[in-house]
Amino acid sequence: MLYIFYGHRFWMRRKLERLLTPAREKGRSVSRFPSDGRPVAELLSQDLFSRKRCVWSENIMGDPAREAELLEALPRLVASPDIFIFLEEE
């Protein structure tokens, strides 16, 4: 599942918390994917028996190369049982 929020930081953070709280309550692993240049493919890598995840990142689409990586991985992110949340500021 994939969520992309674009807008003001305050409102995006509120939306983020509304998604992370139930994910934690359901026992999902919640983590932040840093926007420091790591390959987007790392978002999809996990152990075979690991629990479902909720992964979020901020401003990952600022770099055109990263945006292209993300667009390439998009079908797999959408089809994944994990939740991916991207916050992009105005």
C-alpha atoms as a PDB file:
ATOM      1  CA  MET A   1       0.000   0.000   0.000  1.00  0.00           C
ATOM      2  CA  LEU A   2       1.300   3.442  -0.863  1.00  0.00           C
ATOM      3  CA  TYR A   3       0.464   6.897   0.474  1.00  0.00           C
ATOM      4  CA  ILE A   4       1.941  10.132  -0.874  1.00  0.00           C
ATOM      5  CA  PHE A   5       1.206  13.389   0.959  1.00  0.00           C
ATOM      6  CA  TYR A   6       2.132  16.746  -0.493  1.00  0.00           C
ATOM      7  CA  GLY A   7       1.709  20.022   1.324  1.00  0.00           C
ATOM      8  CA  HIS A   8       2.473  21.836   4.544  1.00  0.00           C
ATOM      9  CA  ARG A   9       4.685  19.988   7.033  1.00  0.00           C
ATOM     10  CA  PHE A  10       2.291  20.397   9.992  1.00  0.00           C
ATOM     11  CA  TRP A  11      -0.666  18.793   8.217  1.00  0.00           C
ATOM     12  CA  MET A  12       1.410  16.021   6.716  1.00  0.00           C
ATOM     13  CA  ARG A  13       2.745  15.122  10.170  1.00  0.00           C
ATOM     14  CA  ARG A  14      -0.805  14.894  11.526  1.00  0.00           C
ATOM     15  CA  LYS A  15      -1.778  12.558   8.674  1.00  0.00           C
ATOM     16  CA  LEU A  16       1.366  10.531   9.278  1.00  0.00           C
ATOM     17  CA  GLU A  17       0.524  10.027  12.951  1.00  0.00           C
ATOM     18  CA  ARG A  18      -3.015   8.981  12.013  1.00  0.00           C
ATOM     19  CA  LEU A  19      -1.518   6.194   9.911  1.00  0.00           C
ATOM     20  CA  LEU A  20       1.350   5.177  12.197  1.00  0.00           C
ATOM     21  CA  THR A  21      -0.695   4.829  15.384  1.00  0.00           C
ATOM     22  CA  PRO A  22      -2.990   2.046  14.081  1.00  0.00           C
ATOM     23  CA  ALA A  23      -0.023   0.383  12.366  1.00  0.00           C
ATOM     24  CA  ARG A  24       1.805   0.187  15.713  1.00  0.00           C
ATOM     25  CA  GLU A  25      -1.332  -1.097  17.423  1.00  0.00           C
ATOM     26  CA  LYS A  26      -1.581  -3.891  14.848  1.00  0.00           C
ATOM     27  CA  GLY A  27       2.008  -4.912  15.559  1.00  0.00           C
ATOM     28  CA  ARG A  28       3.595  -3.608  12.377  1.00  0.00           C
ATOM     29  CA  SER A  29       7.227  -2.636  12.417  1.00  0.00           C
ATOM     30  CA  VAL A  30       7.372   1.164  11.952  1.00  0.00           C
ATOM     31  CA  SER A  31      10.530   2.788  10.622  1.00  0.00           C
ATOM     32  CA  ARG A  32      11.756   5.856   8.776  1.00  0.00           C
ATOM     33  CA  PHE A  33      13.598   5.439   5.488  1.00  0.00           C
ATOM     34  CA  PRO A  34      16.270   8.146   5.356  1.00  0.00           C
ATOM     35  CA  SER A  35      16.469  10.424   2.332  1.00  0.00           C
ATOM     36  CA  ASP A  36      20.274  10.291   2.374  1.00  0.00           C
ATOM     37  CA  GLY A  37      20.815   8.624  -0.984  1.00  0.00           C
ATOM     38  CA  ARG A  38      20.202   4.994  -0.103  1.00  0.00           C
ATOM     39  CA  PRO A  39      18.793   3.015  -3.030  1.00  0.00           C
ATOM     40  CA  VAL A  40      15.006   2.920  -3.134  1.00  0.00           C
ATOM     41  CA  ALA A  41      15.266  -0.855  -3.682  1.00  0.00           C
ATOM     42  CA  GLU A  42      16.183  -1.128   0.020  1.00  0.00           C
ATOM     43  CA  LEU A  43      12.567  -0.233   0.792  1.00  0.00           C
ATOM     44  CA  LEU A  44      11.475  -3.550  -0.664  1.00  0.00           C
ATOM     45  CA  SER A  45      14.110  -5.745   0.946  1.00  0.00           C
ATOM     46  CA  GLN A  46      13.146  -7.671   4.065  1.00  0.00           C
ATOM     47  CA  ASP A  47      13.541 -11.078   5.666  1.00  0.00           C
ATOM     48  CA  LEU A  48      11.238 -13.881   4.626  1.00  0.00           C
ATOM     49  CA  PHE A  49       9.663 -14.259   8.091  1.00  0.00           C
ATOM     50  CA  SER A  50       9.689 -10.637   9.215  1.00  0.00           C
ATOM     51  CA  ARG A  51       6.482  -8.958  10.314  1.00  0.00           C
ATOM     52  CA  LYS A  52       4.666  -6.475   8.117  1.00  0.00           C
ATOM     53  CA  ARG A  53       6.146  -3.008   8.037  1.00  0.00           C
ATOM     54  CA  CYS A  54       5.102   0.594   7.836  1.00  0.00           C
ATOM     55  CA  VAL A  55       7.929   2.639   6.307  1.00  0.00           C
ATOM     56  CA  TRP A  56       7.853   6.395   5.852  1.00  0.00           C
ATOM     57  CA  SER A  57      10.170   8.934   4.297  1.00  0.00           C
ATOM     58  CA  GLU A  58      10.351  12.696   3.825  1.00  0.00           C
ATOM     59  CA  ASN A  59      11.277  14.622   0.695  1.00  0.00           C
ATOM     60  CA  ILE A  60      12.660  11.604  -1.131  1.00  0.00           C
ATOM     61  CA  MET A  61      11.586  12.918  -4.543  1.00  0.00           C
ATOM     62  CA  GLY A  62      13.730  16.047  -4.454  1.00  0.00           C
ATOM     63  CA  ASP A  63      16.504  14.405  -6.458  1.00  0.00           C
ATOM     64  CA  PRO A  64      15.583  13.478 -10.066  1.00  0.00           C
ATOM     65  CA  ALA A  65      17.632  10.257  -9.908  1.00  0.00           C
ATOM     66  CA  ARG A  66      15.827   9.155  -6.732  1.00  0.00           C
ATOM     67  CA  GLU A  67      12.495  10.080  -8.270  1.00  0.00           C
ATOM     68  CA  ALA A  68      13.271   7.838 -11.252  1.00  0.00           C
ATOM     69  CA  GLU A  69      14.207   4.985  -8.892  1.00  0.00           C
ATOM     70  CA  LEU A  70      10.965   5.461  -7.003  1.00  0.00           C
ATOM     71  CA  LEU A  71       8.890   5.483 -10.180  1.00  0.00           C
ATOM     72  CA  GLU A  72      10.556   2.251 -11.282  1.00  0.00           C
ATOM     73  CA  ALA A  73       9.771   0.579  -7.931  1.00  0.00           C
ATOM     74  CA  LEU A  74       6.224   1.991  -7.796  1.00  0.00           C
ATOM     75  CA  PRO A  75       4.355  -1.147  -8.970  1.00  0.00           C
ATOM     76  CA  ARG A  76       6.137  -3.281  -6.364  1.00  0.00           C
ATOM     77  CA  LEU A  77       5.482  -0.724  -3.594  1.00  0.00           C
ATOM     78  CA  VAL A  78       1.778  -0.632  -4.413  1.00  0.00           C
ATOM     79  CA  ALA A  79       1.491  -4.438  -4.549  1.00  0.00           C
ATOM     80  CA  SER A  80       3.416  -4.990  -1.320  1.00  0.00           C
ATOM     81  CA  PRO A  81       1.606  -5.985   1.888  1.00  0.00           C
ATOM     82  CA  ASP A  82       3.715  -3.349   3.629  1.00  0.00           C
ATOM     83  CA  ILE A  83       2.666   0.285   3.973  1.00  0.00           C
ATOM     84  CA  PHE A  84       4.863   2.975   2.415  1.00  0.00           C
ATOM     85  CA  ILE A  85       4.270   6.665   3.207  1.00  0.00           C
ATOM     86  CA  PHE A  86       6.033   9.522   1.442  1.00  0.00           C
ATOM     87  CA  LEU A  87       5.823  13.100   2.683  1.00  0.00           C
ATOM     88  CA  GLU A  88       6.746  15.811   0.198  1.00  0.00           C
ATOM     89  CA  GLU A  89       6.781  19.468   1.259  1.00  0.00           C
ATOM     90  CA  GLU A  90       5.559  22.312  -0.919  1.00  0.00           C
END
